[in-house]
Amino acid sequence: MSTLPNAKKVTLPNGLRIVTEEIPSMRSVAMGILAGAGSGNETESEAGLSHYIEHMMFKGTKKRSAYEIAHALDAVGGKMNAYTSKETTVYYAVVLDKHLDIEIDVLSDMLLNSLFDPGEMAVEKDVILEEIKMYEDTPDELIHDYFAGQILHGHPLGAPTIGHAGSVKALRRENIMDYINRFYSPGNMIISLAGDLPPNVADLLKPYWEKLAGPKTACQHPHPDIKGGISLKRKKTEQTHLCLGTKGPSQLDDDRFAFALLDNIMGGSMSSHLFQEVREKRGLAYAIYSTASPFRDFGIAYTYAGASKENLTQVVDLILKEFSRMKKEGLSSAELARAKEYMKGTTVLGLESTAARMSYLMRSEFYYDRVVTIDETFEKIDKVTNDDIVRLANQYFIDQYLTLAVIGDMDELPIKELRC
């Protein structure tokens, strides 16, 4: 059985990494360009800048208008998009293998030759301001950033990726150019491709990228002083939205595998404890789930629920009860075995497309400076014991970390303290 992913890596003299995987059985090719620049890299006055730059990369280059950029991929049945996260910005496209040359040319042109025309910037700024309004009107999305801001107490990684209306309005072209010079440098970028690739695909990229220069920017973030608390954002909503969580393992911590198994059984699926207890048995919420956000240097983990304000206290009590139970009991042997198979299954099934494979390559290279194989991941999953689950529950589910963030139509919260 071949290694999955079966990746190759070429590093250009300027430090740019190109990671590829040939999959001859596929007829598509996915290409992505990652910049190690997300909202966590921004200063307070730059809030929303990474996301603004992502938008502007599609608005015209020295040889293509915004329409021509979109039309180039549409004309060959391809797809192109981008996204900004807390630690990275990624631009990607998927095309039929015979159109690889167009894919490389368009994406490279966008990243290397965008004009950042002042007129286009003004129009796109208005688009983003409308996006912020839409985001503010979606409390089940807003609550996640509100929680991150509360538990991280002003840390850059707790700021919303989209920024704030005030900060976005104040952004200027010189802010963009300074930020690009700091973070869009070859040592801070990764290109990945997966699909039916020619053996010399790195050589096709070199003419575009070998002249790019600039220093590598350190990606480390200061560790936040995580202290628990209870906070309410008053907003007229039909439902009350809450996130209750704590500190978690980082992306570089091998404990993330055990924590992911804990998270899965606790609230990661329809058969999880919290879903069954809160929704199926008591009907207290439609949506409830737990999730973890491991960053490079630290992590956070939390449970989300949407419930009526009358049920808020009961839902919070049941979540805290689950935290406490994990500290005492962990998982049964059957639950641990099931969680392991679920995690392994979703990992492999999530790599069934060239786009997913491309994304896996660049993410792995970004965090670990190499492509971690699925066999390595399975080995670490299989080594997890219930003692690991209990240890992590006792390490992270402690009163001093517990943070409750609520968005809802109420003057004050009925909950005054959190204990598990």
Protein backbone atom coordinates (compact mmCIF):
# COMPACT_ATOMS: atom_id res chain seq x y z
CA MET A 1 0.00 0.00 0.00
CA SER A 2 1.41 3.41 -0.98
CA THR A 3 2.08 6.17 1.51
CA LEU A 4 -0.76 8.64 1.93
CA PRO A 5 -0.15 11.39 1.00
CA ASN A 6 2.78 10.45 -1.24
CA ALA A 7 4.27 13.93 -1.30
CA LYS A 8 7.36 15.54 -2.80
CA LYS A 9 8.93 18.79 -1.69
CA VAL A 10 11.12 21.28 -3.57
CA THR A 11 12.52 24.39 -1.92
CA LEU A 12 13.57 27.18 -4.24
CA PRO A 13 16.80 29.13 -3.50
CA ASN A 14 14.71 32.04 -2.16
CA GLY A 15 13.09 29.74 0.46
CA LEU A 16 9.71 29.19 -1.20
CA ARG A 17 8.44 25.65 -0.59
CA ILE A 18 6.59 23.71 -3.28
CA VAL A 19 4.84 20.56 -2.06
CA THR A 20 3.21 18.23 -4.57
CA GLU A 21 1.46 14.89 -4.84
CA GLU A 22 0.96 13.10 -8.13
CA ILE A 23 -2.38 11.25 -8.27
CA PRO A 24 -2.59 9.83 -11.82
CA SER A 25 -6.03 8.31 -11.20
CA MET A 26 -7.58 11.78 -10.86
CA ARG A 27 -8.44 14.04 -13.79
CA SER A 28 -8.26 17.28 -11.83
CA VAL A 29 -5.44 19.36 -10.40
CA ALA A 30 -5.80 21.49 -7.29
CA MET A 31 -3.34 24.27 -6.58
CA GLY A 32 -3.09 26.38 -3.45
CA ILE A 33 -0.86 29.24 -2.30
CA LEU A 34 -0.57 29.75 1.44
CA ALA A 35 0.74 32.89 3.09
CA GLY A 36 1.54 32.69 6.79
CA ALA A 37 -0.53 35.79 7.44
CA GLY A 38 -3.86 35.78 9.24
CA SER A 39 -5.78 37.94 11.68
CA GLY A 40 -3.45 36.76 14.46
CA ASN A 41 -0.57 38.61 12.77
CA GLU A 42 -2.36 41.95 12.73
CA THR A 43 -1.89 44.88 15.06
CA GLU A 44 -5.00 46.50 16.50
CA SER A 45 -4.99 49.19 13.81
CA GLU A 46 -4.61 46.51 11.10
CA ALA A 47 -7.66 44.49 12.19
CA GLY A 48 -9.23 42.94 9.09
CA LEU A 49 -6.23 43.67 6.85
CA SER A 50 -5.42 40.02 6.01
CA HIS A 51 -9.02 39.50 4.88
CA TYR A 52 -9.02 42.79 2.93
CA ILE A 53 -5.88 41.75 1.06
CA GLU A 54 -7.48 38.40 0.25
CA HIS A 55 -10.36 40.24 -1.43
CA MET A 56 -8.06 42.63 -3.27
CA MET A 57 -5.99 39.85 -4.84
CA PHE A 58 -8.99 39.15 -7.11
CA LYS A 59 -9.44 42.77 -8.21
CA GLY A 60 -6.94 43.10 -11.03
CA THR A 61 -3.29 42.65 -11.99
CA LYS A 62 -0.91 44.22 -14.47
CA LYS A 63 -2.29 42.02 -17.25
CA ARG A 64 -5.80 41.01 -16.09
CA SER A 65 -8.85 42.93 -14.90
CA ALA A 66 -11.00 41.54 -12.09
CA TYR A 67 -13.39 40.19 -14.73
CA GLU A 68 -10.58 38.56 -16.69
CA ILE A 69 -9.30 36.83 -13.54
CA ALA A 70 -12.73 35.33 -12.90
CA HIS A 71 -13.33 34.55 -16.58
CA ALA A 72 -10.00 32.75 -17.05
CA LEU A 73 -11.01 29.91 -14.71
CA ASP A 74 -14.72 29.96 -15.57
CA ALA A 75 -13.86 29.50 -19.25
CA VAL A 76 -12.23 26.13 -18.56
CA GLY A 77 -14.77 24.91 -15.99
CA GLY A 78 -12.46 25.58 -13.06
CA LYS A 79 -13.16 26.85 -9.57
CA MET A 80 -11.21 29.49 -7.69
CA ASN A 81 -11.55 30.95 -4.21
CA ALA A 82 -9.67 32.05 -1.10
CA TYR A 83 -10.08 32.22 2.66
CA THR A 84 -8.47 33.95 5.61
CA SER A 85 -8.01 32.25 8.97
CA LYS A 86 -6.38 33.23 12.25
CA GLU A 87 -2.90 32.14 11.11
CA THR A 88 -2.96 31.88 7.31
CA THR A 89 -4.46 33.18 4.09
CA VAL A 90 -4.98 30.65 1.30
CA TYR A 91 -5.73 31.16 -2.40
CA TYR A 92 -6.69 28.07 -4.40
CA ALA A 93 -8.12 26.74 -7.64
CA VAL A 94 -9.17 23.39 -9.14
CA VAL A 95 -9.13 22.67 -12.89
CA LEU A 96 -9.01 19.74 -15.28
CA ASP A 97 -5.46 18.44 -15.59
CA LYS A 98 -5.10 19.75 -19.15
CA HIS A 99 -5.61 23.31 -17.89
CA LEU A 100 -2.82 23.25 -15.29
CA ASP A 101 -0.92 25.96 -17.16
CA ILE A 102 -3.86 28.37 -16.86
CA GLU A 103 -4.27 27.60 -13.17
CA ILE A 104 -0.59 28.30 -12.46
CA ASP A 105 -0.57 31.46 -14.53
CA VAL A 106 -3.71 33.00 -13.00
CA LEU A 107 -2.93 32.23 -9.35
CA SER A 108 0.70 33.30 -9.70
CA ASP A 109 -0.33 36.49 -11.48
CA MET A 110 -2.78 37.37 -8.69
CA LEU A 111 -0.28 36.86 -5.90
CA LEU A 112 2.68 38.51 -7.61
CA ASN A 113 1.19 41.28 -9.73
CA SER A 114 -1.97 42.61 -8.08
CA LEU A 115 -2.38 46.35 -8.56
CA PHE A 116 -4.34 47.30 -5.43
CA ASP A 117 -5.98 50.05 -7.42
CA PRO A 118 -7.38 52.79 -5.12
CA GLY A 119 -10.72 52.82 -6.95
CA GLU A 120 -11.11 49.05 -6.62
CA MET A 121 -10.03 49.30 -2.98
CA ALA A 122 -12.83 51.75 -2.21
CA VAL A 123 -15.44 49.51 -3.82
CA GLU A 124 -14.17 46.38 -2.08
CA LYS A 125 -14.04 48.18 1.26
CA ASP A 126 -17.78 48.81 0.93
CA VAL A 127 -18.28 45.11 0.12
CA ILE A 128 -16.43 44.11 3.28
CA LEU A 129 -18.38 46.60 5.40
CA GLU A 130 -21.58 44.95 4.15
CA GLU A 131 -20.05 41.57 4.97
CA ILE A 132 -19.39 42.78 8.53
CA LYS A 133 -23.03 43.87 8.86
CA MET A 134 -24.17 40.45 7.68
CA TYR A 135 -21.82 38.82 10.17
CA GLU A 136 -23.15 41.00 13.00
CA ASP A 137 -26.67 39.86 12.07
CA THR A 138 -25.68 36.18 12.40
CA PRO A 139 -25.31 35.52 16.14
CA ASP A 140 -24.63 31.81 15.74
CA GLU A 141 -21.44 32.81 13.89
CA LEU A 142 -20.66 35.93 15.90
CA ILE A 143 -20.64 34.00 19.19
CA HIS A 144 -17.50 32.04 18.24
CA ASP A 145 -15.38 35.16 17.82
CA TYR A 146 -16.99 36.73 20.87
CA PHE A 147 -15.97 33.69 22.91
CA ALA A 148 -12.42 33.76 21.50
CA GLY A 149 -12.11 37.42 22.38
CA GLN A 150 -13.27 36.80 25.94
CA ILE A 151 -11.07 33.80 26.70
CA LEU A 152 -7.96 35.28 25.04
CA HIS A 153 -8.34 38.75 26.60
CA GLY A 154 -7.15 40.92 23.72
CA HIS A 155 -4.69 38.44 22.18
CA PRO A 156 -4.49 38.92 18.37
CA LEU A 157 -5.75 35.37 17.73
CA GLY A 158 -8.94 36.25 19.56
CA ALA A 159 -9.83 39.03 17.12
CA PRO A 160 -12.40 38.37 14.35
CA THR A 161 -10.82 37.57 11.00
CA ILE A 162 -13.16 39.96 9.22
CA GLY A 163 -12.07 42.93 11.35
CA HIS A 164 -14.25 45.77 12.60
CA ALA A 165 -16.02 48.49 10.64
CA GLY A 166 -13.84 51.21 12.17
CA SER A 167 -10.53 49.49 11.45
CA VAL A 168 -11.52 48.49 7.91
CA LYS A 169 -12.62 52.04 7.05
CA ALA A 170 -9.22 53.36 8.18
CA LEU A 171 -7.12 50.93 6.07
CA ARG A 172 -5.06 52.50 3.29
CA ARG A 173 -3.02 51.22 0.35
CA GLU A 174 0.23 51.79 2.26
CA ASN A 175 -1.07 49.45 4.99
CA ILE A 176 -1.56 46.74 2.38
CA MET A 177 1.86 47.17 0.81
CA ASP A 178 3.63 47.19 4.19
CA TYR A 179 1.79 44.05 5.29
CA ILE A 180 2.55 42.22 2.04
CA ASN A 181 6.22 43.12 2.33
CA ARG A 182 6.25 41.70 5.87
CA PHE A 183 4.33 38.48 5.35
CA TYR A 184 4.04 37.62 1.63
CA SER A 185 7.72 36.67 1.43
CA PRO A 186 9.03 33.39 -0.02
CA GLY A 187 10.10 31.96 3.34
CA ASN A 188 6.60 32.56 4.68
CA MET A 189 4.70 31.04 1.75
CA ILE A 190 3.92 27.53 0.52
CA ILE A 191 2.59 26.36 -2.84
CA SER A 192 0.94 22.97 -2.98
CA LEU A 193 -0.52 20.98 -5.86
CA ALA A 194 -2.29 17.62 -5.98
CA GLY A 195 -3.75 15.62 -8.83
CA ASP A 196 -2.68 14.41 -12.25
CA LEU A 197 0.56 16.39 -12.30
CA PRO A 198 3.52 16.23 -14.67
CA PRO A 199 6.77 15.14 -12.96
CA ASN A 200 8.34 18.55 -13.61
CA VAL A 201 5.55 20.66 -12.11
CA ALA A 202 7.99 22.53 -9.82
CA ASP A 203 9.91 23.61 -12.92
CA LEU A 204 6.68 25.14 -14.31
CA LEU A 205 6.38 27.30 -11.19
CA LYS A 206 9.99 28.48 -10.98
CA PRO A 207 9.83 31.18 -13.69
CA TYR A 208 6.99 32.86 -11.78
CA TRP A 209 8.30 32.58 -8.24
CA GLU A 210 12.11 32.34 -8.21
CA LYS A 211 12.61 36.14 -8.19
CA LEU A 212 10.34 36.79 -5.21
CA ALA A 213 12.36 38.16 -2.31
CA GLY A 214 11.84 39.17 1.30
CA PRO A 215 12.64 38.05 4.84
CA LYS A 216 10.94 35.16 6.59
CA THR A 217 8.63 36.43 9.31
CA ALA A 218 8.44 34.54 12.59
CA CYS A 219 5.06 32.89 13.13
CA GLN A 220 5.22 32.51 16.92
CA HIS A 221 2.56 34.24 18.98
CA PRO A 222 2.86 35.15 22.66
CA HIS A 223 0.99 32.82 24.98
CA PRO A 224 -2.17 34.46 26.32
CA ASP A 225 -2.94 34.59 30.02
CA ILE A 226 -6.12 32.51 29.89
CA LYS A 227 -8.39 33.27 32.81
CA GLY A 228 -12.02 32.25 33.00
CA GLY A 229 -14.97 34.59 33.10
CA ILE A 230 -18.62 35.13 32.26
CA SER A 231 -19.71 37.71 29.69
CA LEU A 232 -22.90 38.75 27.92
CA LYS A 233 -23.33 40.58 24.62
CA ARG A 234 -26.84 41.92 24.61
CA LYS A 235 -28.55 41.54 21.22
CA LYS A 236 -32.16 41.16 20.21
CA THR A 237 -32.35 37.52 19.16
CA GLU A 238 -34.98 34.81 19.32
CA GLN A 239 -32.45 32.32 20.68
CA THR A 240 -29.65 32.64 23.19
CA HIS A 241 -26.27 31.58 21.78
CA LEU A 242 -23.52 30.40 24.09
CA CYS A 243 -19.99 29.09 24.01
CA LEU A 244 -18.61 27.50 27.16
CA GLY A 245 -14.99 26.43 27.01
CA THR A 246 -11.46 26.37 28.22
CA LYS A 247 -7.83 26.17 27.20
CA GLY A 248 -6.76 23.34 24.86
CA PRO A 249 -3.66 21.74 23.32
CA SER A 250 -1.75 23.41 20.50
CA GLN A 251 -1.36 22.25 16.92
CA LEU A 252 2.18 21.09 17.74
CA ASP A 253 1.18 19.14 20.86
CA ASP A 254 0.75 15.38 20.40
CA ASP A 255 -1.96 15.56 23.06
CA ARG A 256 -4.20 17.03 20.37
CA PHE A 257 -5.00 13.48 19.21
CA ALA A 258 -6.26 12.39 22.63
CA PHE A 259 -8.12 15.68 23.03
CA ALA A 260 -9.79 15.21 19.65
CA LEU A 261 -11.03 11.79 20.75
CA LEU A 262 -12.37 13.27 23.99
CA ASP A 263 -14.02 16.07 22.03
CA ASN A 264 -15.65 13.64 19.60
CA ILE A 265 -17.36 11.55 22.27
CA MET A 266 -18.29 14.59 24.33
CA GLY A 267 -19.93 16.61 21.57
CA GLY A 268 -18.52 15.89 18.13
CA SER A 269 -21.32 13.88 16.55
CA MET A 270 -25.02 13.00 16.77
CA SER A 271 -24.20 10.06 19.03
CA SER A 272 -22.10 12.19 21.39
CA HIS A 273 -22.92 12.62 25.08
CA LEU A 274 -23.99 16.26 24.86
CA PHE A 275 -26.08 15.86 21.71
CA GLN A 276 -27.92 12.93 23.23
CA GLU A 277 -28.31 14.47 26.68
CA VAL A 278 -29.21 18.04 25.74
CA ARG A 279 -31.09 17.62 22.47
CA GLU A 280 -32.38 14.07 22.21
CA LYS A 281 -33.35 13.39 25.84
CA ARG A 282 -34.37 16.87 27.00
CA GLY A 283 -35.09 18.87 23.83
CA LEU A 284 -33.26 21.91 25.23
CA ALA A 285 -31.45 22.87 22.02
CA TYR A 286 -31.51 22.25 18.30
CA ALA A 287 -27.78 22.74 17.79
CA ILE A 288 -25.13 21.69 20.30
CA TYR A 289 -21.59 20.54 19.62
CA SER A 290 -18.07 20.78 20.95
CA THR A 291 -15.01 21.77 18.98
CA ALA A 292 -11.32 22.55 19.42
CA SER A 293 -9.23 25.32 17.84
CA PRO A 294 -5.56 24.35 18.09
CA PHE A 295 -3.25 27.18 17.00
CA ARG A 296 0.49 26.85 16.48
CA ASP A 297 1.47 27.73 20.05
CA PHE A 298 -1.67 27.13 22.13
CA GLY A 299 -5.30 26.17 21.73
CA ILE A 300 -8.84 26.73 22.94
CA ALA A 301 -11.77 24.32 23.12
CA TYR A 302 -15.45 24.92 23.73
CA THR A 303 -19.03 23.76 23.43
CA TYR A 304 -21.56 25.77 21.43
CA ALA A 305 -25.32 25.65 21.97
CA GLY A 306 -28.31 27.66 20.85
CA ALA A 307 -31.21 27.58 23.32
CA SER A 308 -33.99 29.72 24.72
CA LYS A 309 -33.01 32.01 27.59
CA GLU A 310 -35.26 29.99 29.89
CA ASN A 311 -33.13 26.89 29.20
CA LEU A 312 -29.74 28.63 29.35
CA THR A 313 -28.86 27.69 32.93
CA GLN A 314 -29.84 24.06 32.45
CA VAL A 315 -27.79 23.74 29.26
CA VAL A 316 -24.72 25.27 30.94
CA ASP A 317 -25.15 22.94 33.93
CA LEU A 318 -25.29 19.89 31.65
CA ILE A 319 -22.12 20.97 29.80
CA LEU A 320 -20.28 21.49 33.10
CA LYS A 321 -21.54 18.13 34.30
CA GLU A 322 -20.07 16.53 31.17
CA PHE A 323 -16.73 18.24 31.78
CA SER A 324 -16.74 16.90 35.33
CA ARG A 325 -17.67 13.40 34.21
CA MET A 326 -14.79 13.34 31.75
CA LYS A 327 -12.40 14.29 34.57
CA LYS A 328 -13.56 11.36 36.67
CA GLU A 329 -14.36 8.64 34.15
CA GLY A 330 -13.04 9.55 30.72
CA LEU A 331 -14.30 7.20 28.03
CA SER A 332 -15.41 3.60 28.17
CA SER A 333 -13.33 1.15 26.16
CA ALA A 334 -16.13 0.91 23.58
CA GLU A 335 -16.38 4.70 23.29
CA LEU A 336 -12.63 5.09 22.90
CA ALA A 337 -12.52 2.41 20.20
CA ARG A 338 -15.44 4.04 18.39
CA ALA A 339 -13.87 7.50 18.58
CA LYS A 340 -10.61 6.17 17.15
CA GLU A 341 -12.35 4.57 14.17
CA TYR A 342 -14.44 7.70 13.63
CA MET A 343 -11.35 9.90 13.63
CA LYS A 344 -9.43 7.62 11.28
CA GLY A 345 -12.41 7.27 8.96
CA THR A 346 -13.11 11.00 8.70
CA THR A 347 -9.40 11.70 8.17
CA VAL A 348 -9.16 9.39 5.16
CA LEU A 349 -12.60 10.20 3.71
CA GLY A 350 -11.71 13.88 3.98
CA LEU A 351 -8.84 13.31 1.53
CA GLU A 352 -10.93 11.92 -1.33
CA SER A 353 -10.58 15.02 -3.55
CA THR A 354 -7.55 16.75 -5.05
CA ALA A 355 -8.58 19.98 -3.31
CA ALA A 356 -8.59 18.27 0.09
CA ARG A 357 -5.26 16.61 -0.61
CA MET A 358 -3.72 19.92 -1.69
CA SER A 359 -5.01 21.60 1.47
CA TYR A 360 -3.64 18.80 3.66
CA LEU A 361 -0.19 19.15 2.07
CA MET A 362 0.11 22.87 2.69
CA ARG A 363 -1.34 22.77 6.20
CA SER A 364 1.00 19.97 7.22
CA GLU A 365 4.01 21.77 5.74
CA PHE A 366 2.99 25.02 7.43
CA TYR A 367 2.78 23.56 10.93
CA TYR A 368 5.36 20.76 10.82
CA ASP A 369 7.75 21.69 8.01
CA ARG A 370 7.00 18.34 6.39
CA VAL A 371 4.02 16.31 5.21
CA VAL A 372 2.83 14.05 8.02
CA THR A 373 1.56 10.73 6.65
CA ILE A 374 -1.77 9.18 7.53
CA ASP A 375 0.05 6.13 8.90
CA GLU A 376 1.84 8.38 11.41
CA THR A 377 -1.46 9.94 12.42
CA PHE A 378 -3.13 6.55 12.84
CA GLU A 379 -0.24 5.34 14.98
CA LYS A 380 -0.66 8.29 17.35
CA ILE A 381 -4.42 7.83 17.49
CA ASP A 382 -4.07 4.13 18.29
CA LYS A 383 -1.68 4.87 21.17
CA VAL A 384 -4.22 6.98 23.07
CA THR A 385 -5.49 5.39 26.29
CA ASN A 386 -8.29 6.34 28.65
CA ASP A 387 -5.63 7.47 31.13
CA ASP A 388 -4.65 10.09 28.52
CA ILE A 389 -8.29 11.21 28.25
CA VAL A 390 -8.69 11.60 32.01
CA ARG A 391 -5.32 13.36 32.30
CA LEU A 392 -6.25 15.92 29.65
CA ALA A 393 -9.72 16.48 31.09
CA ASN A 394 -8.13 17.25 34.46
CA GLN A 395 -5.49 19.43 32.84
CA TYR A 396 -7.90 21.62 30.86
CA PHE A 397 -11.36 21.38 32.43
CA ILE A 398 -10.50 23.43 35.49
CA ASP A 399 -12.34 26.34 37.07
CA GLN A 400 -9.66 28.95 36.37
CA TYR A 401 -9.96 28.41 32.59
CA LEU A 402 -13.75 28.11 32.32
CA THR A 403 -15.16 30.85 30.10
CA LEU A 404 -18.80 31.43 29.23
CA ALA A 405 -19.73 33.87 26.45
CA VAL A 406 -23.40 34.51 25.67
CA ILE A 407 -25.23 36.52 23.02
CA GLY A 408 -28.90 37.04 23.74
CA ASP A 409 -31.82 39.34 24.50
CA MET A 410 -31.38 39.73 28.26
CA ASP A 411 -30.15 42.38 30.67
CA GLU A 412 -27.98 40.08 32.75
CA LEU A 413 -27.02 36.44 32.98
CA PRO A 414 -28.58 34.19 35.61
CA ILE A 415 -25.23 32.37 35.92
CA LYS A 416 -22.74 33.93 38.33
CA GLU A 417 -20.00 31.28 38.60
CA LEU A 418 -18.67 28.27 36.73
CA ARG A 419 -17.41 25.14 38.43
CA CYS A 420 -16.64 21.65 37.20
